[in-house]
Amino acid sequence: MNLLRSNVNRLLLLTVVAFLLAPQVQAQGDKREFYEIKTYTLKSKDQEAQVDVFLKSAYLPAMHKAGIKNVGVFKPVETDTTYGKRIYLLIPYTSLDQFLKITKTVFADKQFNSDGKEYLDAVYTNPPYVRIESVLLKAFIGMQKMQIPTLTGARSERIYELRSYESHTEKIHINKVEMFNKGDEVGLFKRLGFNAVFYGEVISGSHMPNLMYMTTFDNKASRDEHWKSFSADPQWKQLSAMPEYQHNVSKNTQYFLRPTEYSDY
């Protein structure tokens, strides 16, 4: 009887310890990155040129020095109505703490302040941009870290397709994220060679609830061919027909972008 009681007590103790440690184990195993999509809105060629110089000569070098190596900088394709009026940055962070500290770190860099002086010291009557919008995301479980695309085409012809999938409610949004992870839509994109850079849940932004991801192609023809293959793929047809994944997107917005010559990828 004493031996049985001892074994029962031991089992209860192990159960309690496992319960208490479970959140820590989960946190330690969660290596997901965070992403910031920063969008500059511009009103003139002069503003575009000034922001370009600042990003290329001051901001990206300072970010690299701070340990953030892969900062993507993109502009709308020439046929887009926002061509010349937007610049998009995609910035990866290893943690929220790094995101919170990056501005202070960068502005403490003397070289950054020197190289970015014209932009940083702009007067209120002649600002270098109209507005900056920032969206913060957390990487999907299915792809926890950014992947730099392996493209061979000319940089001036490359297509970076940024997609935003909005959902009707938070619960429906969770279902759409599950479709990528548990349903393995992420794996499908990988198998078909979409060169995805990231997949992320928006945790702070102006169009919530939603998720965003970016795929990349050598040119527009390659992009169209990949999506044609995707639509015809048996795995996608089966996944998209599953009852549990119906009606989980209220709005799909696509942004067709090209990398700037100074973008890290």
C-alpha atoms as a PDB file:
ATOM      1  CA  MET A   1       0.000   0.000   0.000  1.00  0.00           C
ATOM      2  CA  ASN A   2       2.781   2.433   0.899  1.00  0.00           C
ATOM      3  CA  LEU A   3       4.562   1.643  -2.392  1.00  0.00           C
ATOM      4  CA  LEU A   4       1.344   2.250  -4.337  1.00  0.00           C
ATOM      5  CA  ARG A   5       0.742   5.533  -2.497  1.00  0.00           C
ATOM      6  CA  SER A   6       4.346   6.558  -3.192  1.00  0.00           C
ATOM      7  CA  ASN A   7       3.993   5.836  -6.909  1.00  0.00           C
ATOM      8  CA  VAL A   8       0.696   7.736  -7.075  1.00  0.00           C
ATOM      9  CA  ASN A   9       2.222  10.749  -5.317  1.00  0.00           C
ATOM     10  CA  ARG A  10       5.199  10.643  -7.648  1.00  0.00           C
ATOM     11  CA  LEU A  11       2.922  10.527 -10.684  1.00  0.00           C
ATOM     12  CA  LEU A  12       0.928  13.478  -9.366  1.00  0.00           C
ATOM     13  CA  LEU A  13       4.118  15.446  -8.763  1.00  0.00           C
ATOM     14  CA  LEU A  14       5.392  14.741 -12.267  1.00  0.00           C
ATOM     15  CA  THR A  15       2.039  15.766 -13.719  1.00  0.00           C
ATOM     16  CA  VAL A  16       2.079  19.078 -11.814  1.00  0.00           C
ATOM     17  CA  VAL A  17       5.696  19.783 -12.863  1.00  0.00           C
ATOM     18  CA  ALA A  18       4.910  18.981 -16.488  1.00  0.00           C
ATOM     19  CA  PHE A  19       1.887  21.307 -16.362  1.00  0.00           C
ATOM     20  CA  LEU A  20       3.921  24.149 -14.871  1.00  0.00           C
ATOM     21  CA  LEU A  21       6.783  23.731 -17.340  1.00  0.00           C
ATOM     22  CA  ALA A  22       4.602  23.318 -20.448  1.00  0.00           C
ATOM     23  CA  PRO A  23       4.324  27.069 -21.240  1.00  0.00           C
ATOM     24  CA  GLN A  24       8.093  27.470 -20.851  1.00  0.00           C
ATOM     25  CA  VAL A  25       8.833  24.519 -23.097  1.00  0.00           C
ATOM     26  CA  GLN A  26       6.437  25.855 -25.708  1.00  0.00           C
ATOM     27  CA  ALA A  27       8.042  29.298 -25.535  1.00  0.00           C
ATOM     28  CA  GLN A  28      11.536  27.869 -25.813  1.00  0.00           C
ATOM     29  CA  GLY A  29      10.505  25.857 -28.885  1.00  0.00           C
ATOM     30  CA  ASP A  30       8.871  28.849 -30.557  1.00  0.00           C
ATOM     31  CA  LYS A  31      11.571  30.355 -32.788  1.00  0.00           C
ATOM     32  CA  ARG A  32       9.231  32.464 -34.891  1.00  0.00           C
ATOM     33  CA  GLU A  33      10.484  35.812 -36.151  1.00  0.00           C
ATOM     34  CA  PHE A  34       8.575  39.081 -36.203  1.00  0.00           C
ATOM     35  CA  TYR A  35       8.287  41.251 -39.301  1.00  0.00           C
ATOM     36  CA  GLU A  36       7.641  44.921 -39.828  1.00  0.00           C
ATOM     37  CA  ILE A  37       6.257  46.159 -43.122  1.00  0.00           C
ATOM     38  CA  LYS A  38       6.978  49.867 -43.236  1.00  0.00           C
ATOM     39  CA  THR A  39       5.358  51.867 -46.038  1.00  0.00           C
ATOM     40  CA  TYR A  40       6.413  55.366 -47.072  1.00  0.00           C
ATOM     41  CA  THR A  41       3.766  57.425 -48.857  1.00  0.00           C
ATOM     42  CA  LEU A  42       5.278  60.028 -51.184  1.00  0.00           C
ATOM     43  CA  LYS A  43       3.922  62.927 -53.231  1.00  0.00           C
ATOM     44  CA  SER A  44       6.822  63.838 -55.516  1.00  0.00           C
ATOM     45  CA  LYS A  45       9.936  62.568 -57.261  1.00  0.00           C
ATOM     46  CA  ASP A  46      12.009  64.767 -54.942  1.00  0.00           C
ATOM     47  CA  GLN A  47      10.605  62.983 -51.891  1.00  0.00           C
ATOM     48  CA  GLU A  48      11.188  59.586 -53.498  1.00  0.00           C
ATOM     49  CA  ALA A  49      14.809  60.487 -54.270  1.00  0.00           C
ATOM     50  CA  GLN A  50      15.406  61.823 -50.760  1.00  0.00           C
ATOM     51  CA  VAL A  51      14.008  58.689 -49.093  1.00  0.00           C
ATOM     52  CA  ASP A  52      16.025  56.480 -51.470  1.00  0.00           C
ATOM     53  CA  VAL A  53      19.265  58.233 -50.527  1.00  0.00           C
ATOM     54  CA  PHE A  54      18.453  57.993 -46.826  1.00  0.00           C
ATOM     55  CA  LEU A  55      17.578  54.301 -46.934  1.00  0.00           C
ATOM     56  CA  LYS A  56      20.563  53.343 -49.078  1.00  0.00           C
ATOM     57  CA  SER A  57      23.236  55.494 -47.420  1.00  0.00           C
ATOM     58  CA  ALA A  58      22.125  55.695 -43.788  1.00  0.00           C
ATOM     59  CA  TYR A  59      19.248  53.437 -42.721  1.00  0.00           C
ATOM     60  CA  LEU A  60      20.233  50.078 -44.196  1.00  0.00           C
ATOM     61  CA  PRO A  61      23.896  50.388 -43.126  1.00  0.00           C
ATOM     62  CA  ALA A  62      22.760  51.262 -39.582  1.00  0.00           C
ATOM     63  CA  MET A  63      20.341  48.331 -39.502  1.00  0.00           C
ATOM     64  CA  HIS A  64      23.094  45.996 -40.686  1.00  0.00           C
ATOM     65  CA  LYS A  65      25.365  47.307 -37.959  1.00  0.00           C
ATOM     66  CA  ALA A  66      22.587  46.640 -35.427  1.00  0.00           C
ATOM     67  CA  GLY A  67      22.464  42.998 -36.503  1.00  0.00           C
ATOM     68  CA  ILE A  68      19.531  43.070 -38.938  1.00  0.00           C
ATOM     69  CA  LYS A  69      21.030  41.845 -42.196  1.00  0.00           C
ATOM     70  CA  ASN A  70      18.119  41.222 -44.557  1.00  0.00           C
ATOM     71  CA  VAL A  71      16.077  44.368 -45.097  1.00  0.00           C
ATOM     72  CA  GLY A  72      13.986  44.277 -48.251  1.00  0.00           C
ATOM     73  CA  VAL A  73      13.145  47.545 -50.013  1.00  0.00           C
ATOM     74  CA  PHE A  74      10.518  47.504 -52.757  1.00  0.00           C
ATOM     75  CA  LYS A  75       8.526  49.775 -55.050  1.00  0.00           C
ATOM     76  CA  PRO A  76       5.288  49.195 -56.983  1.00  0.00           C
ATOM     77  CA  VAL A  77       5.575  47.921 -60.558  1.00  0.00           C
ATOM     78  CA  GLU A  78       5.441  50.537 -63.285  1.00  0.00           C
ATOM     79  CA  THR A  79       1.793  49.833 -64.216  1.00  0.00           C
ATOM     80  CA  ASP A  80       0.542  50.344 -60.642  1.00  0.00           C
ATOM     81  CA  THR A  81      -1.309  53.580 -59.883  1.00  0.00           C
ATOM     82  CA  THR A  82       0.905  54.023 -56.805  1.00  0.00           C
ATOM     83  CA  TYR A  83       4.133  53.789 -58.850  1.00  0.00           C
ATOM     84  CA  GLY A  84       6.472  56.530 -57.629  1.00  0.00           C
ATOM     85  CA  LYS A  85       4.248  57.128 -54.585  1.00  0.00           C
ATOM     86  CA  ARG A  86       5.179  54.208 -52.300  1.00  0.00           C
ATOM     87  CA  ILE A  87       8.300  52.581 -50.886  1.00  0.00           C
ATOM     88  CA  TYR A  88       7.912  49.363 -48.900  1.00  0.00           C
ATOM     89  CA  LEU A  89      10.377  47.978 -46.359  1.00  0.00           C
ATOM     90  CA  LEU A  90      10.272  44.429 -45.007  1.00  0.00           C
ATOM     91  CA  ILE A  91      12.305  44.142 -41.803  1.00  0.00           C
ATOM     92  CA  PRO A  92      12.848  40.889 -39.844  1.00  0.00           C
ATOM     93  CA  TYR A  93      13.299  40.814 -36.057  1.00  0.00           C
ATOM     94  CA  THR A  94      14.327  37.875 -33.909  1.00  0.00           C
ATOM     95  CA  SER A  95      12.107  39.090 -31.045  1.00  0.00           C
ATOM     96  CA  LEU A  96       9.692  41.819 -29.994  1.00  0.00           C
ATOM     97  CA  ASP A  97      12.426  43.152 -27.739  1.00  0.00           C
ATOM     98  CA  GLN A  98      14.681  43.729 -30.750  1.00  0.00           C
ATOM     99  CA  PHE A  99      11.823  45.507 -32.523  1.00  0.00           C
ATOM    100  CA  LEU A 100      11.204  47.772 -29.522  1.00  0.00           C
ATOM    101  CA  LYS A 101      14.868  48.710 -29.165  1.00  0.00           C
ATOM    102  CA  ILE A 102      15.856  49.164 -32.813  1.00  0.00           C
ATOM    103  CA  THR A 103      14.945  52.852 -33.157  1.00  0.00           C
ATOM    104  CA  LYS A 104      16.987  53.842 -30.104  1.00  0.00           C
ATOM    105  CA  THR A 105      19.892  51.682 -31.315  1.00  0.00           C
ATOM    106  CA  VAL A 106      19.908  53.179 -34.806  1.00  0.00           C
ATOM    107  CA  PHE A 107      19.565  56.792 -33.647  1.00  0.00           C
ATOM    108  CA  ALA A 108      22.488  56.312 -31.246  1.00  0.00           C
ATOM    109  CA  ASP A 109      24.725  55.539 -34.248  1.00  0.00           C
ATOM    110  CA  LYS A 110      26.825  58.637 -35.049  1.00  0.00           C
ATOM    111  CA  GLN A 111      27.465  57.504 -38.615  1.00  0.00           C
ATOM    112  CA  PHE A 112      23.740  57.091 -39.186  1.00  0.00           C
ATOM    113  CA  ASN A 113      23.074  60.634 -37.989  1.00  0.00           C
ATOM    114  CA  SER A 114      25.838  61.962 -40.201  1.00  0.00           C
ATOM    115  CA  ASP A 115      24.915  60.032 -43.353  1.00  0.00           C
ATOM    116  CA  GLY A 116      21.195  60.671 -42.905  1.00  0.00           C
ATOM    117  CA  LYS A 117      21.486  64.324 -41.920  1.00  0.00           C
ATOM    118  CA  GLU A 118      19.543  65.818 -44.840  1.00  0.00           C
ATOM    119  CA  TYR A 119      16.590  63.497 -44.242  1.00  0.00           C
ATOM    120  CA  LEU A 120      16.731  63.611 -40.440  1.00  0.00           C
ATOM    121  CA  ASP A 121      17.022  67.398 -40.259  1.00  0.00           C
ATOM    122  CA  ALA A 122      14.294  68.123 -42.805  1.00  0.00           C
ATOM    123  CA  VAL A 123      12.128  71.096 -41.804  1.00  0.00           C
ATOM    124  CA  TYR A 124       8.383  70.782 -41.274  1.00  0.00           C
ATOM    125  CA  THR A 125       7.655  72.886 -44.371  1.00  0.00           C
ATOM    126  CA  ASN A 126       9.531  70.436 -46.594  1.00  0.00           C
ATOM    127  CA  PRO A 127       9.276  66.888 -45.165  1.00  0.00           C
ATOM    128  CA  PRO A 128      10.818  63.965 -47.101  1.00  0.00           C
ATOM    129  CA  TYR A 129       7.552  61.974 -47.144  1.00  0.00           C
ATOM    130  CA  VAL A 130       3.824  62.330 -46.558  1.00  0.00           C
ATOM    131  CA  ARG A 131       3.372  59.577 -43.975  1.00  0.00           C
ATOM    132  CA  ILE A 132       4.793  56.262 -42.747  1.00  0.00           C
ATOM    133  CA  GLU A 133       2.561  53.276 -41.990  1.00  0.00           C
ATOM    134  CA  SER A 134       3.862  50.293 -40.023  1.00  0.00           C
ATOM    135  CA  VAL A 135       2.396  46.774 -39.820  1.00  0.00           C
ATOM    136  CA  LEU A 136       3.770  44.242 -37.328  1.00  0.00           C
ATOM    137  CA  LEU A 137       3.521  40.494 -37.960  1.00  0.00           C
ATOM    138  CA  LYS A 138       4.516  37.212 -36.324  1.00  0.00           C
ATOM    139  CA  ALA A 139       5.778  34.384 -38.523  1.00  0.00           C
ATOM    140  CA  PHE A 140       3.671  31.292 -39.081  1.00  0.00           C
ATOM    141  CA  ILE A 141       4.505  28.060 -37.288  1.00  0.00           C
ATOM    142  CA  GLY A 142       4.816  26.488 -40.748  1.00  0.00           C
ATOM    143  CA  MET A 143       7.701  28.809 -41.707  1.00  0.00           C
ATOM    144  CA  GLN A 144       9.237  30.397 -38.646  1.00  0.00           C
ATOM    145  CA  LYS A 145      12.065  32.322 -40.296  1.00  0.00           C
ATOM    146  CA  MET A 146      12.494  34.473 -43.373  1.00  0.00           C
ATOM    147  CA  GLN A 147      13.817  32.741 -46.472  1.00  0.00           C
ATOM    148  CA  ILE A 148      15.892  34.787 -48.912  1.00  0.00           C
ATOM    149  CA  PRO A 149      14.643  33.991 -52.445  1.00  0.00           C
ATOM    150  CA  THR A 150      16.860  32.265 -54.984  1.00  0.00           C
ATOM    151  CA  LEU A 151      16.101  34.196 -58.158  1.00  0.00           C
ATOM    152  CA  THR A 152      18.257  34.367 -61.283  1.00  0.00           C
ATOM    153  CA  GLY A 153      16.390  36.872 -63.445  1.00  0.00           C
ATOM    154  CA  ALA A 154      17.319  40.534 -63.849  1.00  0.00           C
ATOM    155  CA  ARG A 155      16.455  42.505 -60.719  1.00  0.00           C
ATOM    156  CA  SER A 156      14.535  45.044 -62.796  1.00  0.00           C
ATOM    157  CA  GLU A 157      12.142  42.311 -63.982  1.00  0.00           C
ATOM    158  CA  ARG A 158      11.589  40.453 -60.714  1.00  0.00           C
ATOM    159  CA  ILE A 159       8.150  40.316 -59.156  1.00  0.00           C
ATOM    160  CA  TYR A 160       7.680  40.288 -55.395  1.00  0.00           C
ATOM    161  CA  GLU A 161       4.014  39.609 -54.704  1.00  0.00           C
ATOM    162  CA  LEU A 162       2.818  40.735 -51.293  1.00  0.00           C
ATOM    163  CA  ARG A 163      -0.626  39.404 -50.390  1.00  0.00           C
ATOM    164  CA  SER A 164      -2.976  40.400 -47.584  1.00  0.00           C
ATOM    165  CA  TYR A 165      -5.869  38.121 -46.627  1.00  0.00           C
ATOM    166  CA  GLU A 166      -8.427  39.824 -44.415  1.00  0.00           C
ATOM    167  CA  SER A 167     -11.080  37.792 -42.573  1.00  0.00           C
ATOM    168  CA  HIS A 168     -14.556  38.601 -41.274  1.00  0.00           C
ATOM    169  CA  THR A 169     -13.754  37.877 -37.598  1.00  0.00           C
ATOM    170  CA  GLU A 170     -10.829  36.895 -35.383  1.00  0.00           C
ATOM    171  CA  LYS A 171     -12.053  33.295 -35.203  1.00  0.00           C
ATOM    172  CA  ILE A 172     -12.326  33.040 -38.983  1.00  0.00           C
ATOM    173  CA  HIS A 173      -8.845  34.566 -39.298  1.00  0.00           C
ATOM    174  CA  ILE A 174      -7.446  31.831 -37.033  1.00  0.00           C
ATOM    175  CA  ASN A 175      -9.061  29.291 -39.348  1.00  0.00           C
ATOM    176  CA  LYS A 176      -7.317  30.800 -42.394  1.00  0.00           C
ATOM    177  CA  VAL A 177      -3.950  30.721 -40.617  1.00  0.00           C
ATOM    178  CA  GLU A 178      -4.610  27.082 -39.733  1.00  0.00           C
ATOM    179  CA  MET A 179      -5.200  26.396 -43.425  1.00  0.00           C
ATOM    180  CA  PHE A 180      -1.620  27.479 -44.132  1.00  0.00           C
ATOM    181  CA  ASN A 181      -0.122  25.583 -41.189  1.00  0.00           C
ATOM    182  CA  LYS A 182      -2.169  22.471 -40.419  1.00  0.00           C
ATOM    183  CA  GLY A 183      -3.591  22.341 -43.953  1.00  0.00           C
ATOM    184  CA  ASP A 184      -0.006  22.711 -45.281  1.00  0.00           C
ATOM    185  CA  GLU A 185      -0.678  25.466 -47.794  1.00  0.00           C
ATOM    186  CA  VAL A 186       2.835  26.612 -46.871  1.00  0.00           C
ATOM    187  CA  GLY A 187       4.184  23.228 -47.999  1.00  0.00           C
ATOM    188  CA  LEU A 188       2.228  23.457 -51.231  1.00  0.00           C
ATOM    189  CA  PHE A 189       3.766  26.824 -52.096  1.00  0.00           C
ATOM    190  CA  LYS A 190       7.213  25.410 -51.338  1.00  0.00           C
ATOM    191  CA  ARG A 191       6.704  22.311 -53.481  1.00  0.00           C
ATOM    192  CA  LEU A 192       5.598  24.443 -56.426  1.00  0.00           C
ATOM    193  CA  GLY A 193       8.641  26.749 -56.141  1.00  0.00           C
ATOM    194  CA  PHE A 194       6.983  30.018 -55.139  1.00  0.00           C
ATOM    195  CA  ASN A 195      10.158  31.256 -53.352  1.00  0.00           C
ATOM    196  CA  ALA A 196       8.197  32.583 -50.363  1.00  0.00           C
ATOM    197  CA  VAL A 197      10.052  35.157 -48.255  1.00  0.00           C
ATOM    198  CA  PHE A 198       7.708  35.036 -45.233  1.00  0.00           C
ATOM    199  CA  TYR A 199       4.235  34.188 -43.951  1.00  0.00           C
ATOM    200  CA  GLY A 200       2.915  36.168 -41.000  1.00  0.00           C
ATOM    201  CA  GLU A 201      -0.097  36.910 -38.821  1.00  0.00           C
ATOM    202  CA  VAL A 202      -0.734  40.624 -38.441  1.00  0.00           C
ATOM    203  CA  ILE A 203      -0.618  41.459 -34.736  1.00  0.00           C
ATOM    204  CA  SER A 204      -0.831  45.235 -35.221  1.00  0.00           C
ATOM    205  CA  GLY A 205      -2.076  47.047 -38.304  1.00  0.00           C
ATOM    206  CA  SER A 206      -4.912  48.977 -39.903  1.00  0.00           C
ATOM    207  CA  HIS A 207      -6.697  46.070 -41.645  1.00  0.00           C
ATOM    208  CA  MET A 208      -7.139  43.442 -38.960  1.00  0.00           C
ATOM    209  CA  PRO A 209      -7.765  40.595 -38.655  1.00  0.00           C
ATOM    210  CA  ASN A 210      -5.519  39.506 -41.509  1.00  0.00           C
ATOM    211  CA  LEU A 211      -2.431  37.620 -42.550  1.00  0.00           C
ATOM    212  CA  MET A 212       0.209  38.554 -45.105  1.00  0.00           C
ATOM    213  CA  TYR A 213       2.838  36.717 -47.091  1.00  0.00           C
ATOM    214  CA  MET A 214       5.287  37.372 -49.912  1.00  0.00           C
ATOM    215  CA  THR A 215       6.195  35.154 -52.874  1.00  0.00           C
ATOM    216  CA  THR A 216       8.835  35.954 -55.505  1.00  0.00           C
ATOM    217  CA  PHE A 217       9.396  35.288 -59.197  1.00  0.00           C
ATOM    218  CA  ASP A 218      11.984  36.039 -61.893  1.00  0.00           C
ATOM    219  CA  ASN A 219       9.376  37.917 -63.943  1.00  0.00           C
ATOM    220  CA  LYS A 220       5.633  38.411 -64.489  1.00  0.00           C
ATOM    221  CA  ALA A 221       5.382  35.435 -66.870  1.00  0.00           C
ATOM    222  CA  SER A 222       6.916  33.151 -64.241  1.00  0.00           C
ATOM    223  CA  ARG A 223       4.498  34.486 -61.639  1.00  0.00           C
ATOM    224  CA  ASP A 224       1.480  33.799 -63.843  1.00  0.00           C
ATOM    225  CA  GLU A 225       2.703  30.292 -64.679  1.00  0.00           C
ATOM    226  CA  HIS A 226       3.248  29.441 -61.009  1.00  0.00           C
ATOM    227  CA  TRP A 227      -0.266  30.547 -60.048  1.00  0.00           C
ATOM    228  CA  LYS A 228      -1.728  28.586 -62.957  1.00  0.00           C
ATOM    229  CA  SER A 229       0.019  25.468 -61.627  1.00  0.00           C
ATOM    230  CA  PHE A 230      -1.194  26.253 -58.109  1.00  0.00           C
ATOM    231  CA  SER A 231      -4.842  26.506 -59.182  1.00  0.00           C
ATOM    232  CA  ALA A 232      -4.637  23.168 -61.007  1.00  0.00           C
ATOM    233  CA  ASP A 233      -2.757  21.298 -58.272  1.00  0.00           C
ATOM    234  CA  PRO A 234      -4.682  18.342 -56.751  1.00  0.00           C
ATOM    235  CA  GLN A 235      -3.512  19.208 -53.229  1.00  0.00           C
ATOM    236  CA  TRP A 236      -4.932  22.727 -53.536  1.00  0.00           C
ATOM    237  CA  LYS A 237      -8.196  21.482 -55.012  1.00  0.00           C
ATOM    238  CA  GLN A 238      -8.600  19.066 -52.109  1.00  0.00           C
ATOM    239  CA  LEU A 239      -7.611  21.636 -49.471  1.00  0.00           C
ATOM    240  CA  SER A 240      -9.805  24.431 -50.829  1.00  0.00           C
ATOM    241  CA  ALA A 241     -12.818  22.078 -51.005  1.00  0.00           C
ATOM    242  CA  MET A 242     -12.629  21.043 -47.341  1.00  0.00           C
ATOM    243  CA  PRO A 243     -15.760  22.222 -45.465  1.00  0.00           C
ATOM    244  CA  GLU A 244     -13.798  23.564 -42.487  1.00  0.00           C
ATOM    245  CA  TYR A 245     -11.883  26.034 -44.690  1.00  0.00           C
ATOM    246  CA  GLN A 246     -14.792  27.647 -46.514  1.00  0.00           C
ATOM    247  CA  HIS A 247     -15.472  31.405 -46.516  1.00  0.00           C
ATOM    248  CA  ASN A 248     -12.439  32.340 -44.413  1.00  0.00           C
ATOM    249  CA  VAL A 249     -11.288  35.352 -46.485  1.00  0.00           C
ATOM    250  CA  SER A 250     -13.281  38.575 -46.774  1.00  0.00           C
ATOM    251  CA  LYS A 251     -10.739  40.503 -48.863  1.00  0.00           C
ATOM    252  CA  ASN A 252      -7.589  39.562 -50.777  1.00  0.00           C
ATOM    253  CA  THR A 253      -5.278  42.454 -51.667  1.00  0.00           C
ATOM    254  CA  GLN A 254      -2.265  41.932 -53.930  1.00  0.00           C
ATOM    255  CA  TYR A 255       0.745  44.222 -54.217  1.00  0.00           C
ATOM    256  CA  PHE A 256       3.106  43.685 -57.149  1.00  0.00           C
ATOM    257  CA  LEU A 257       6.521  45.036 -56.257  1.00  0.00           C
ATOM    258  CA  ARG A 258      10.080  45.208 -57.572  1.00  0.00           C
ATOM    259  CA  PRO A 259      13.207  45.299 -55.401  1.00  0.00           C
ATOM    260  CA  THR A 260      15.242  48.488 -55.435  1.00  0.00           C
ATOM    261  CA  GLU A 261      18.861  48.216 -56.544  1.00  0.00           C
ATOM    262  CA  TYR A 262      19.988  48.661 -52.924  1.00  0.00           C
ATOM    263  CA  SER A 263      17.546  46.152 -51.380  1.00  0.00           C
ATOM    264  CA  ASP A 264      19.245  43.275 -49.533  1.00  0.00           C
ATOM    265  CA  TYR A 265      17.440  40.760 -51.767  1.00  0.00           C
END
